[in-house]
Structures are given as C-alpha cells and as structure tokens.
N, C-alpha and C. Protein backbone atom coordinates (compact mmCIF):
# COMPACT_ATOMS: atom_id res chain seq x y z
N MET A 1 -112.67 71.60 187.73
CA MET A 1 -111.99 72.09 188.75
C MET A 1 -112.08 73.32 188.53
N GLY A 2 -112.40 74.38 190.19
CA GLY A 2 -111.97 75.59 189.90
C GLY A 2 -111.05 76.34 189.86
N LEU A 3 -110.75 77.53 189.67
CA LEU A 3 -109.40 78.43 189.78
C LEU A 3 -108.85 78.19 191.01
N PHE A 4 -108.93 78.36 192.15
CA PHE A 4 -109.01 77.71 193.75
C PHE A 4 -108.99 76.63 194.33
N SER A 5 -109.34 75.33 193.38
CA SER A 5 -109.81 74.30 193.73
C SER A 5 -108.82 73.50 194.65
N GLY A 6 -107.30 73.80 194.48
CA GLY A 6 -106.17 73.61 194.93
C GLY A 6 -105.49 73.94 196.06
N LEU A 7 -106.63 74.90 196.84
CA LEU A 7 -106.11 75.59 197.97
C LEU A 7 -106.19 74.73 199.22
N ASP A 8 -105.28 75.14 199.79
CA ASP A 8 -105.15 74.59 201.28
C ASP A 8 -106.52 74.22 202.09
N ARG A 9 -106.98 72.81 202.17
CA ARG A 9 -108.03 72.73 202.67
C ARG A 9 -107.79 72.68 204.69
N GLY A 10 -106.61 73.17 204.83
CA GLY A 10 -106.34 72.75 206.23
C GLY A 10 -106.76 74.44 206.83
N VAL A 11 -106.97 75.17 206.30
CA VAL A 11 -107.27 76.37 206.84
C VAL A 11 -108.10 76.08 207.87
N THR A 12 -108.06 76.19 209.25
CA THR A 12 -108.81 76.12 210.11
C THR A 12 -110.32 77.11 210.24
N GLN A 13 -111.05 76.40 210.81
CA GLN A 13 -112.38 77.47 210.84
C GLN A 13 -112.14 78.32 211.25
N VAL A 14 -111.71 78.79 212.76
CA VAL A 14 -111.70 79.74 213.24
C VAL A 14 -110.48 80.69 212.02
N ALA A 15 -109.83 80.46 211.39
CA ALA A 15 -109.28 81.68 210.61
C ALA A 15 -110.15 82.03 209.63
N ARG A 16 -111.20 81.12 209.25
CA ARG A 16 -112.25 81.49 208.35
C ARG A 16 -113.34 82.29 208.56
N ARG A 17 -113.28 82.58 210.01
CA ARG A 17 -114.35 83.89 210.26
C ARG A 17 -114.40 85.11 210.25
N LEU A 18 -115.57 85.68 210.15
CA LEU A 18 -115.87 86.84 209.89
C LEU A 18 -114.48 87.67 210.50
N ARG A 19 -114.08 89.13 210.18
CA ARG A 19 -112.88 89.72 210.93
C ARG A 19 -113.56 91.18 211.10
N SER A 20 -113.41 91.51 212.33
CA SER A 20 -113.50 93.30 212.56
C SER A 20 -112.39 93.91 212.96
N ALA A 21 -112.35 95.09 212.34
CA ALA A 21 -111.18 95.89 213.10
C ALA A 21 -111.62 97.56 213.34
N LEU A 22 -111.16 98.29 213.97
CA LEU A 22 -111.25 99.53 214.74
C LEU A 22 -110.30 100.09 213.94
N PRO A 23 -110.73 101.56 213.72
CA PRO A 23 -110.31 102.66 213.12
C PRO A 23 -108.52 102.64 213.58
N GLY A 24 -107.25 102.42 212.89
CA GLY A 24 -106.02 103.05 213.47
C GLY A 24 -105.60 100.91 213.39
N GLU A 25 -106.37 100.22 213.21
CA GLU A 25 -105.67 98.93 213.54
C GLU A 25 -105.25 98.51 212.33
N LEU A 26 -104.02 97.54 212.37
CA LEU A 26 -103.06 96.96 211.23
C LEU A 26 -103.67 95.66 211.49
N LEU A 27 -104.16 95.34 209.86
CA LEU A 27 -104.80 94.21 209.51
C LEU A 27 -104.02 93.27 209.38
N HIS A 28 -102.71 93.55 208.68
CA HIS A 28 -101.62 92.91 208.05
C HIS A 28 -100.49 93.82 207.40
N GLN A 29 -99.18 93.13 207.75
CA GLN A 29 -98.18 93.63 207.03
C GLN A 29 -97.81 93.35 205.63
N ALA A 30 -97.11 93.77 204.90
CA ALA A 30 -96.70 93.23 203.57
C ALA A 30 -95.55 92.37 203.86
N GLY A 31 -95.59 91.53 202.78
CA GLY A 31 -94.90 90.03 203.54
C GLY A 31 -95.33 89.23 204.28
N GLU A 32 -96.23 89.22 204.93
CA GLU A 32 -96.57 88.35 205.90
C GLU A 32 -97.64 87.09 205.00
N ALA A 33 -98.17 86.17 205.68
CA ALA A 33 -98.80 85.05 205.06
C ALA A 33 -99.89 85.39 205.69
N GLY A 34 -100.96 85.11 204.96
CA GLY A 34 -102.37 85.63 205.22
C GLY A 34 -103.66 84.90 204.25
N LEU A 35 -104.85 85.24 204.55
CA LEU A 35 -106.09 85.16 203.77
C LEU A 35 -106.19 86.15 202.91
N ALA A 36 -107.28 85.71 202.03
CA ALA A 36 -107.88 87.08 201.43
C ALA A 36 -109.10 86.95 202.01
N TRP A 37 -109.39 88.27 201.94
CA TRP A 37 -110.81 88.82 202.62
C TRP A 37 -111.60 90.00 201.65
N ARG A 38 -112.68 89.60 201.74
CA ARG A 38 -113.67 90.78 201.00
C ARG A 38 -114.20 91.71 202.30
N VAL A 39 -114.24 93.06 201.91
CA VAL A 39 -114.54 94.19 202.70
C VAL A 39 -115.97 94.32 202.45
N GLY A 40 -116.49 94.24 203.78
CA GLY A 40 -117.91 94.37 203.74
C GLY A 40 -118.41 95.54 204.20
N LYS A 41 -117.55 96.52 205.08
CA LYS A 41 -118.00 97.40 205.78
C LYS A 41 -116.67 98.56 205.93
N GLY A 42 -116.48 99.78 205.32
CA GLY A 42 -115.63 100.26 206.08
C GLY A 42 -114.47 100.40 204.65
N VAL A 43 -113.34 101.37 205.42
CA VAL A 43 -112.08 102.00 204.33
C VAL A 43 -110.70 101.49 205.02
N LEU A 44 -110.05 100.93 203.79
CA LEU A 44 -108.79 100.45 204.35
C LEU A 44 -107.33 101.16 203.65
N ARG A 45 -106.54 101.51 204.24
CA ARG A 45 -105.40 102.34 203.63
C ARG A 45 -104.40 101.08 203.44
N LEU A 46 -103.80 101.00 202.04
CA LEU A 46 -103.02 100.08 201.66
C LEU A 46 -102.00 101.02 201.41
N ASP A 47 -100.55 100.60 202.20
CA ASP A 47 -99.44 101.06 201.75
C ASP A 47 -98.55 100.12 201.25
N MET A 48 -97.51 100.90 200.45
CA MET A 48 -96.34 100.21 200.15
C MET A 48 -95.37 100.11 201.12
N MET A 49 -94.50 99.43 201.16
CA MET A 49 -93.01 99.52 201.94
C MET A 49 -91.85 99.66 201.31
N ALA A 50 -91.37 100.77 201.72
CA ALA A 50 -90.28 101.10 200.90
C ALA A 50 -88.95 100.75 201.74
N ASP A 51 -87.65 100.46 200.80
CA ASP A 51 -86.47 100.00 201.40
C ASP A 51 -86.18 100.06 202.64
N ASP A 52 -86.33 101.45 203.20
CA ASP A 52 -85.80 102.02 204.38
C ASP A 52 -87.06 101.58 205.32
N GLY A 53 -88.10 100.74 205.22
CA GLY A 53 -88.96 100.08 206.12
C GLY A 53 -90.21 101.27 206.33
N THR A 54 -90.27 102.74 205.56
CA THR A 54 -91.03 103.60 205.75
C THR A 54 -92.47 103.04 204.97
N ALA A 55 -93.63 103.27 205.45
CA ALA A 55 -94.89 103.18 204.56
C ALA A 55 -95.04 104.33 203.89
N ALA A 56 -95.70 103.84 202.62
CA ALA A 56 -96.16 104.94 201.68
C ALA A 56 -97.60 104.48 201.11
N PHE A 57 -98.36 105.34 201.44
CA PHE A 57 -99.54 105.26 200.76
C PHE A 57 -99.79 104.86 199.03
N ALA A 58 -100.32 103.66 199.18
CA ALA A 58 -100.60 103.04 197.65
C ALA A 58 -102.07 102.86 196.89
N SER A 59 -102.90 102.89 197.70
CA SER A 59 -104.15 102.56 197.40
C SER A 59 -105.21 102.64 198.80
N LEU A 60 -106.55 102.40 198.16
CA LEU A 60 -107.81 102.05 199.16
C LEU A 60 -108.28 100.86 199.08
N ALA A 61 -109.01 100.35 200.04
CA ALA A 61 -109.97 99.22 199.51
C ALA A 61 -111.10 99.55 200.28
N ILE A 62 -112.61 99.49 199.64
CA ILE A 62 -113.33 99.97 200.26
C ILE A 62 -114.68 98.61 199.95
N ALA A 63 -115.72 98.89 200.92
CA ALA A 63 -116.78 97.63 200.77
C ALA A 63 -117.05 97.25 198.81
N GLY A 64 -116.79 95.79 199.18
CA GLY A 64 -116.73 95.38 198.14
C GLY A 64 -115.99 94.82 197.49
N ASP A 65 -114.20 95.06 198.00
CA ASP A 65 -113.18 95.12 197.46
C ASP A 65 -112.72 93.75 197.90
N ILE A 66 -111.65 92.85 197.11
CA ILE A 66 -111.37 91.82 197.61
C ILE A 66 -109.96 92.37 197.86
N LEU A 67 -109.30 92.21 198.99
CA LEU A 67 -107.85 92.25 199.87
C LEU A 67 -107.55 91.48 200.15
N GLY A 68 -106.10 91.14 199.54
CA GLY A 68 -105.06 90.08 199.94
C GLY A 68 -105.36 89.08 198.95
N CYS A 69 -106.12 89.10 197.91
CA CYS A 69 -106.03 87.87 196.93
C CYS A 69 -104.57 87.38 196.09
N GLU A 70 -103.84 88.39 196.35
CA GLU A 70 -102.09 87.83 195.86
C GLU A 70 -101.71 86.83 196.40
N THR A 71 -102.37 86.47 198.21
CA THR A 71 -101.84 85.63 198.75
C THR A 71 -101.79 84.07 198.32
N MET A 72 -103.23 84.19 197.45
CA MET A 72 -103.03 83.00 196.78
C MET A 72 -102.04 82.19 195.82
N LEU A 73 -101.71 83.61 195.06
CA LEU A 73 -100.63 83.24 194.31
C LEU A 73 -99.07 83.20 194.61
N PHE A 74 -99.15 84.17 195.58
CA PHE A 74 -97.58 84.49 195.83
C PHE A 74 -97.53 83.96 197.55
N GLY A 75 -98.47 83.66 198.07
CA GLY A 75 -98.19 83.24 199.70
C GLY A 75 -97.92 84.55 200.56
N ALA A 76 -97.87 85.68 200.06
CA ALA A 76 -97.60 86.83 200.98
C ALA A 76 -98.60 88.22 200.78
N TYR A 77 -98.63 88.95 201.57
CA TYR A 77 -99.25 89.96 201.46
C TYR A 77 -98.48 91.07 200.54
N THR A 78 -99.03 91.81 199.55
CA THR A 78 -98.14 92.45 199.08
C THR A 78 -98.44 93.89 199.60
N PHE A 79 -99.07 94.32 200.08
CA PHE A 79 -99.28 95.57 200.76
C PHE A 79 -99.60 95.26 202.42
N SER A 80 -99.25 96.53 203.16
CA SER A 80 -99.69 96.61 204.74
C SER A 80 -101.19 97.58 204.27
N ALA A 81 -102.44 96.70 205.38
CA ALA A 81 -103.35 97.26 205.17
C ALA A 81 -103.79 97.88 206.95
N VAL A 82 -104.12 99.09 206.81
CA VAL A 82 -104.86 99.75 208.50
C VAL A 82 -106.13 99.93 208.07
N ALA A 83 -106.96 99.51 209.17
CA ALA A 83 -108.36 100.22 209.08
C ALA A 83 -108.43 101.52 209.35
N LEU A 84 -109.37 102.46 208.48
CA LEU A 84 -109.26 103.85 208.49
C LEU A 84 -110.25 104.32 209.21
N THR A 85 -111.55 103.28 208.96
CA THR A 85 -112.48 103.70 209.67
C THR A 85 -112.93 101.76 210.18
N GLN A 86 -114.18 102.06 211.06
CA GLN A 86 -114.32 100.52 211.30
C GLN A 86 -114.61 99.47 210.34
N CYS A 87 -114.34 98.51 210.23
CA CYS A 87 -114.31 97.34 208.93
C CYS A 87 -114.65 96.40 209.51
N GLU A 88 -115.55 95.65 208.41
CA GLU A 88 -116.18 94.26 208.75
C GLU A 88 -115.47 93.64 207.40
N LEU A 89 -115.13 92.20 207.71
CA LEU A 89 -113.99 91.70 206.43
C LEU A 89 -114.96 90.29 206.46
N ALA A 90 -114.83 89.68 205.42
CA ALA A 90 -115.45 88.13 205.38
C ALA A 90 -114.32 87.24 204.48
N PRO A 91 -113.74 86.10 204.96
CA PRO A 91 -113.06 85.41 204.13
C PRO A 91 -113.36 85.11 202.64
N TRP A 92 -112.56 85.11 201.81
CA TRP A 92 -112.96 85.07 200.67
C TRP A 92 -111.72 84.00 199.75
N PRO A 93 -112.13 82.81 199.18
CA PRO A 93 -113.42 83.16 197.98
C PRO A 93 -114.78 82.35 199.36
N GLU A 94 -115.99 83.34 198.83
CA GLU A 94 -116.69 82.84 199.87
C GLU A 94 -117.46 81.41 199.05
N GLY A 95 -118.49 80.80 200.12
CA GLY A 95 -118.84 79.40 199.74
C GLY A 95 -117.59 78.45 198.98
N ASP A 96 -118.59 78.59 197.46
CA ASP A 96 -117.84 77.48 196.52
C ASP A 96 -117.07 77.86 195.75
N PRO A 97 -115.46 77.56 195.96
CA PRO A 97 -114.46 77.91 195.20
C PRO A 97 -114.38 78.00 193.84
N ASP A 98 -115.43 76.96 193.43
CA ASP A 98 -115.61 77.03 191.87
C ASP A 98 -116.09 78.21 191.19
N ALA A 99 -116.72 79.58 192.37
CA ALA A 99 -117.34 80.62 191.23
C ALA A 99 -116.31 81.34 191.61
N SER A 100 -115.33 81.32 192.26
CA SER A 100 -114.26 82.30 192.77
C SER A 100 -113.36 83.15 191.75
N GLY A 101 -113.70 82.30 190.63
CA GLY A 101 -113.08 82.66 189.22
C GLY A 101 -113.21 84.05 188.65
N SER A 102 -115.05 84.01 188.59
CA SER A 102 -115.74 85.25 188.31
C SER A 102 -115.12 86.47 188.98
N SER A 103 -115.57 86.30 190.31
CA SER A 103 -115.48 86.78 191.31
C SER A 103 -114.30 87.55 191.40
N LEU A 104 -112.89 86.88 190.94
CA LEU A 104 -111.68 87.29 191.07
C LEU A 104 -111.80 88.29 190.05
N LEU A 105 -112.12 88.43 188.56
CA LEU A 105 -112.31 88.93 187.73
C LEU A 105 -112.72 90.43 187.98
N GLU A 106 -113.91 90.21 188.47
CA GLU A 106 -114.69 91.26 189.07
C GLU A 106 -113.71 92.46 190.19
N SER A 107 -113.16 91.31 190.96
CA SER A 107 -112.60 92.31 191.80
C SER A 107 -111.29 93.00 191.11
N LEU A 108 -110.15 92.48 190.18
CA LEU A 108 -109.33 92.95 189.66
C LEU A 108 -110.11 93.99 188.38
N ALA A 109 -111.23 93.86 188.01
CA ALA A 109 -111.99 95.23 187.44
C ALA A 109 -111.86 96.43 188.24
N ASN A 110 -112.61 95.96 189.59
CA ASN A 110 -112.32 97.11 190.31
C ASN A 110 -111.18 97.72 191.39
N ALA A 111 -110.52 96.64 191.20
CA ALA A 111 -109.17 97.42 191.64
C ALA A 111 -108.76 98.59 190.32
N GLN A 112 -108.68 97.91 189.08
CA GLN A 112 -108.37 98.59 188.02
C GLN A 112 -109.29 100.20 188.17
N ARG A 113 -110.35 100.19 188.54
CA ARG A 113 -111.35 101.34 188.66
C ARG A 113 -110.79 102.25 189.75
N ARG A 114 -110.49 101.39 190.86
CA ARG A 114 -109.80 102.00 191.83
C ARG A 114 -108.63 103.17 191.96
N ALA A 115 -107.72 102.45 191.23
CA ALA A 115 -106.36 102.67 190.77
C ALA A 115 -106.44 104.18 190.24
N ALA A 116 -107.63 104.13 188.80
CA ALA A 116 -107.66 105.44 188.28
C ALA A 116 -108.30 106.39 189.19
N GLU A 117 -109.47 105.89 190.09
CA GLU A 117 -109.77 106.92 191.00
C GLU A 117 -108.76 107.56 192.22
N ILE A 118 -107.63 106.67 192.29
CA ILE A 118 -106.91 107.25 193.34
C ILE A 118 -105.93 108.08 192.60
N VAL A 119 -105.71 107.95 191.33
CA VAL A 119 -104.67 108.52 190.50
C VAL A 119 -105.37 110.24 190.55
N ALA A 120 -106.94 110.06 190.09
CA ALA A 120 -107.36 111.43 190.14
C ALA A 120 -107.46 112.06 191.37
N LEU A 121 -107.78 111.33 192.42
CA LEU A 121 -107.49 112.19 193.87
C LEU A 121 -106.05 113.14 194.01
N ARG A 122 -105.27 112.64 193.10
CA ARG A 122 -103.57 113.38 193.63
C ARG A 122 -103.42 114.60 192.63
N GLY A 123 -104.38 114.94 192.07
CA GLY A 123 -104.36 115.80 190.83
C GLY A 123 -105.31 117.10 191.11
N GLY A 124 -104.83 118.23 190.41
CA GLY A 124 -106.21 119.11 190.19
C GLY A 124 -106.31 119.78 191.31
N PRO A 125 -107.13 120.88 191.43
CA PRO A 125 -107.53 121.50 192.21
C PRO A 125 -108.01 121.08 193.92
N ALA A 126 -107.33 121.28 194.96
CA ALA A 126 -107.50 120.65 196.28
C ALA A 126 -108.86 120.56 196.33
N LEU A 127 -109.75 121.32 196.13
CA LEU A 127 -111.04 121.16 197.06
C LEU A 127 -111.55 120.14 196.14
N GLY A 128 -111.50 119.96 194.88
CA GLY A 128 -111.98 118.70 193.78
C GLY A 128 -111.87 117.41 194.65
N ARG A 129 -110.31 117.56 194.71
CA ARG A 129 -109.37 115.80 195.14
C ARG A 129 -109.99 115.67 196.56
N VAL A 130 -110.39 116.70 197.68
CA VAL A 130 -111.38 116.52 199.01
C VAL A 130 -112.38 115.98 198.63
N THR A 131 -113.45 116.50 197.84
CA THR A 131 -114.68 116.42 197.45
C THR A 131 -114.92 114.85 196.61
N SER A 132 -114.14 114.60 195.71
CA SER A 132 -113.85 113.60 195.29
C SER A 132 -113.82 112.00 195.91
N LEU A 133 -112.91 112.48 196.91
CA LEU A 133 -112.66 111.41 197.93
C LEU A 133 -114.26 111.02 198.78
N ILE A 134 -114.67 112.57 199.53
CA ILE A 134 -115.70 112.30 200.09
C ILE A 134 -116.85 111.42 199.18
N ARG A 135 -116.99 111.85 198.18
CA ARG A 135 -118.04 110.80 197.14
C ARG A 135 -117.52 109.45 197.03
N LEU A 136 -116.59 109.35 196.88
CA LEU A 136 -115.90 107.56 196.89
C LEU A 136 -116.63 106.84 198.03
N LEU A 137 -116.22 107.65 198.86
CA LEU A 137 -116.56 106.95 200.66
C LEU A 137 -117.95 107.46 200.93
N ALA A 138 -118.63 107.86 200.05
CA ALA A 138 -119.96 107.97 200.81
C ALA A 138 -120.80 106.61 200.40
N ASP A 139 -121.81 106.44 201.37
CA ASP A 139 -122.79 105.35 201.53
C ASP A 139 -123.92 105.97 200.60
N GLY A 140 -124.64 104.85 200.11
CA GLY A 140 -125.56 104.92 199.20
C GLY A 140 -126.78 106.14 199.98
N ALA A 141 -126.75 105.77 201.27
CA ALA A 141 -127.60 106.65 202.04
C ALA A 141 -126.88 108.16 202.13
N GLY A 142 -126.10 108.54 201.76
CA GLY A 142 -125.31 109.92 201.51
C GLY A 142 -124.62 110.00 203.09
N LYS A 143 -124.44 109.00 204.07
CA LYS A 143 -123.49 109.07 204.97
C LYS A 143 -121.81 108.46 204.60
N VAL A 144 -121.07 109.44 205.72
CA VAL A 144 -119.27 109.14 205.03
C VAL A 144 -118.63 109.64 206.49
N VAL A 145 -118.09 108.37 206.50
CA VAL A 145 -116.94 108.33 207.77
C VAL A 145 -115.79 108.53 207.21
N LEU A 146 -115.29 110.01 207.40
CA LEU A 146 -113.73 110.02 206.82
C LEU A 146 -112.88 109.92 207.52
N PRO A 147 -111.81 109.40 206.90
CA PRO A 147 -110.47 108.80 207.43
C PRO A 147 -109.78 110.28 208.31
N PRO A 148 -109.26 109.74 209.50
CA PRO A 148 -108.14 110.74 209.80
C PRO A 148 -107.75 111.84 208.98
N ARG A 149 -107.76 113.37 209.18
CA ARG A 149 -107.48 114.28 208.56
C ARG A 149 -106.13 113.98 207.76
N GLN A 150 -104.95 113.47 208.78
CA GLN A 150 -103.48 113.17 207.86
C GLN A 150 -103.87 112.14 206.93
N ASP A 151 -104.68 110.97 207.14
CA ASP A 151 -104.76 110.29 205.90
C ASP A 151 -105.09 110.77 204.71
N ILE A 152 -106.21 111.67 204.66
CA ILE A 152 -106.64 112.27 203.88
C ILE A 152 -105.90 113.16 203.27
N ALA A 153 -104.95 113.41 203.92
CA ALA A 153 -103.78 114.86 203.39
C ALA A 153 -102.92 113.49 202.57
N GLU A 154 -102.52 112.57 202.81
CA GLU A 154 -101.50 111.92 202.01
C GLU A 154 -102.15 110.97 201.03
N ILE A 155 -103.44 110.86 201.29
CA ILE A 155 -104.27 110.07 200.10
C ILE A 155 -104.22 111.07 199.07
N THR A 156 -104.33 112.24 199.05
CA THR A 156 -104.95 113.37 198.13
C THR A 156 -103.35 114.31 197.80
N ASP A 157 -102.38 113.93 198.44
CA ASP A 157 -101.15 114.49 198.31
C ASP A 157 -101.31 116.33 198.47
N LEU A 158 -102.28 116.43 199.72
CA LEU A 158 -102.37 117.60 200.22
C LEU A 158 -101.84 117.99 201.48
N ARG A 159 -101.79 119.42 202.27
CA ARG A 159 -101.01 119.57 203.30
C ARG A 159 -102.31 119.27 204.11
N PHE A 160 -102.04 118.69 205.54
CA PHE A 160 -102.70 118.42 206.71
C PHE A 160 -103.56 119.83 207.00
N GLU A 161 -103.32 121.07 206.98
CA GLU A 161 -103.81 122.34 207.19
C GLU A 161 -104.82 122.49 205.88
N THR A 162 -104.35 121.96 204.68
CA THR A 162 -105.30 122.28 203.67
C THR A 162 -106.73 121.84 203.71
N ILE A 163 -106.69 120.68 204.23
CA ILE A 163 -107.40 119.75 204.51
C ILE A 163 -108.51 119.89 205.40
N SER A 164 -107.77 120.29 206.63
CA SER A 164 -108.44 120.99 207.87
C SER A 164 -109.35 122.04 207.51
N ARG A 165 -108.60 123.09 206.57
CA ARG A 165 -109.55 124.44 206.10
C ARG A 165 -110.81 124.00 205.11
N ILE A 166 -110.61 122.91 203.98
CA ILE A 166 -111.41 122.74 203.27
C ILE A 166 -112.43 121.95 204.01
N ILE A 167 -112.18 121.37 204.92
CA ILE A 167 -113.47 120.36 205.59
C ILE A 167 -113.93 121.22 206.59
N LYS A 168 -113.23 122.16 207.14
CA LYS A 168 -114.53 123.25 207.72
C LYS A 168 -115.17 124.03 206.92
N GLY A 169 -114.90 124.53 205.52
CA GLY A 169 -115.41 125.27 204.84
C GLY A 169 -116.66 124.33 204.30
N LEU A 170 -116.65 123.21 203.82
CA LEU A 170 -117.73 122.18 203.55
C LEU A 170 -118.84 122.25 204.76
N GLU A 171 -118.39 121.93 206.07
CA GLU A 171 -119.19 122.26 207.51
C GLU A 171 -120.05 123.43 207.50
N ARG A 172 -119.34 124.58 206.98
CA ARG A 172 -119.74 125.98 207.22
C ARG A 172 -120.56 126.16 205.97
N SER A 173 -120.53 125.37 204.69
CA SER A 173 -121.39 125.89 203.66
C SER A 173 -122.61 124.45 203.67
N GLN A 174 -122.55 123.68 204.85
CA GLN A 174 -123.16 122.77 204.77
C GLN A 174 -123.66 121.62 203.78
N VAL A 175 -122.29 121.72 203.16
CA VAL A 175 -122.04 120.28 202.24
C VAL A 175 -121.87 118.98 203.12
N LEU A 176 -121.03 119.62 204.26
CA LEU A 176 -121.07 118.21 205.13
C LEU A 176 -121.89 118.63 206.21
N LEU A 177 -122.82 117.92 206.63
CA LEU A 177 -123.15 117.84 208.10
C LEU A 177 -123.08 117.03 209.03
N PRO A 178 -122.74 117.47 210.22
CA PRO A 178 -122.10 116.19 211.29
C PRO A 178 -123.35 115.34 211.64
N VAL A 179 -123.09 114.29 211.81
CA VAL A 179 -123.91 113.33 212.50
C VAL A 179 -123.54 112.59 213.63
N ARG A 180 -124.27 111.60 214.37
CA ARG A 180 -123.84 110.74 215.35
C ARG A 180 -124.07 109.59 214.55
N ILE A 181 -122.84 108.87 214.52
CA ILE A 181 -122.76 107.38 214.22
C ILE A 181 -122.31 106.60 215.40
N GLU A 182 -122.64 105.48 216.33
CA GLU A 182 -121.83 104.90 217.41
C GLU A 182 -120.76 104.51 216.93
N GLY A 183 -119.62 104.64 217.95
CA GLY A 183 -118.25 104.32 217.40
C GLY A 183 -117.31 105.12 216.64
N VAL A 184 -118.01 106.05 216.36
CA VAL A 184 -117.20 106.99 215.29
C VAL A 184 -116.94 108.68 215.99
N HIS A 185 -115.48 108.94 215.75
CA HIS A 185 -115.61 110.48 216.52
C HIS A 185 -116.24 111.09 215.88
N ALA A 186 -116.98 112.43 216.32
CA ALA A 186 -117.70 113.09 216.27
C ALA A 186 -117.25 113.98 215.10
N THR A 187 -116.02 114.16 214.95
CA THR A 187 -115.56 115.23 213.84
C THR A 187 -115.33 114.24 212.72
N ARG A 188 -115.65 112.58 212.39
CA ARG A 188 -115.33 112.26 211.29
C ARG A 188 -116.52 111.70 210.71
N ALA A 189 -117.83 112.19 210.91
CA ALA A 189 -119.18 111.26 210.67
C ALA A 189 -119.99 112.48 209.86
N TYR A 190 -120.47 112.29 208.73
CA TYR A 190 -121.16 113.64 208.09
C TYR A 190 -122.21 112.93 207.25
N SER A 191 -123.18 113.57 206.93
CA SER A 191 -123.96 113.49 206.00
C SER A 191 -123.85 114.25 204.82
N VAL A 192 -123.93 113.68 203.60
CA VAL A 192 -123.36 114.52 202.54
C VAL A 192 -124.64 114.94 201.86
N ALA A 193 -124.20 116.84 201.66
CA ALA A 193 -125.69 116.93 200.81
C ALA A 193 -125.96 116.45 199.56
N SER A 194 -126.95 116.16 199.27
CA SER A 194 -127.05 115.57 197.81
C SER A 194 -127.12 116.56 196.93
N GLY A 195 -126.13 116.31 195.91
CA GLY A 195 -126.36 117.36 194.74
C GLY A 195 -125.64 118.59 194.87
N ILE A 196 -124.97 118.90 196.10
CA ILE A 196 -124.05 119.93 196.35
C ILE A 196 -122.67 119.87 196.04
N LEU A 197 -121.76 118.15 196.50
CA LEU A 197 -120.45 118.52 196.35
C LEU A 197 -120.09 118.91 194.70
N PRO A 198 -119.31 119.83 194.60
CA PRO A 198 -118.77 120.27 193.57
C PRO A 198 -117.88 118.90 192.75
N ALA A 199 -117.56 119.73 191.41
CA ALA A 199 -117.27 118.28 190.68
C ALA A 199 -115.50 118.40 190.82
C-alpha cells in the first residue's frame, strides 16, 4: 500500500487536469482546501497570512517543486500562491500513487534547499542578492523571466528603487540582454550573459 493510497478517489477528472496561470493570478489562498501540484514551468510566490490579514513573503516555488502537498495531511493550503510569471502546473502525485512517497521525499529535500536559497537572498550586498535571484530563476538556456520589480524587492528585502537601479545597471553592462518572449512584458524577459553574473 502506497503512502497516499487512501486518498479520496472521488476527485473529479476535471479537477485533476493541467492548470495554467498568468502573472499576478492567485492560485489559492492559505486555508483553502485543494490539490497538490507540481510546477512544470514558471515561478510562484508563496505568502504567509498574518493575523491582520496582510500577506508576507515566505518562499518561492519554481519548476520541479511540489506545491500544496500539505493539503494531503492537513486538508488546506498553508500558503497563498500567486504566479509571478506564466506558470504551468500538473496535479500531484502523478500517475501511480504508490510511487509518490519517493517523489515527496525529493520534494521535501528541494523545499529545504529552496529555503536556504531564500535566506541567502535576504542578506549580503544588494547586487549579490539580485544576481543570486536571477541565477535561481534562469532556465538551462540562460533565459530568465523576472518577477515584477516590487516582488523582487520583497523577495530580496531591498527597496524598489534599489532593484530598478541594479537591473538597469545589469542591462547597461550587458549582463542582462532583453529578449522577446511571447506573452511576457518587454521589461521582464532577458538572456543572461554566461559567466558574467557576479557571485
């Protein structure tokens, strides 16, 4: 018997289909019931809700991460999730629920690594924080779709003006080269110059 063999088999096929989200779209609120998802493409911002109802940045979910696996244990999402870039998600566990145990362990290891990366993004020199975020979000081809500047500011614990100045500087020094990606605002899609990003 697999780890999740007792899952409710009554989940409709409609609810188990692939899901897309546009930048700025709320996928779910903390406290809502729902499914777990594997992020296939894109970046999501995860926020904790304070007692006064305001959202505070908690983490990121990027391609390969599992989002919302806590719903299988607690019945509700712990974090609110908003798409920062265009996202594609697939229901999790995929296919055979008996195989989901090892997939969950892999996801937990990834989540622990991601938490360490997020902590590192919030300390040290401002340029290093921003370039570390760019490296984290860049795909294997060296392309990156940046979140909105305000989100970058909250993720890195820097001021909006600082983010704008750093990104303009990276453009001037041709570390970030603007590219056209269909459906992405012109000021957010870049090719990252290989080997140039400072540590």
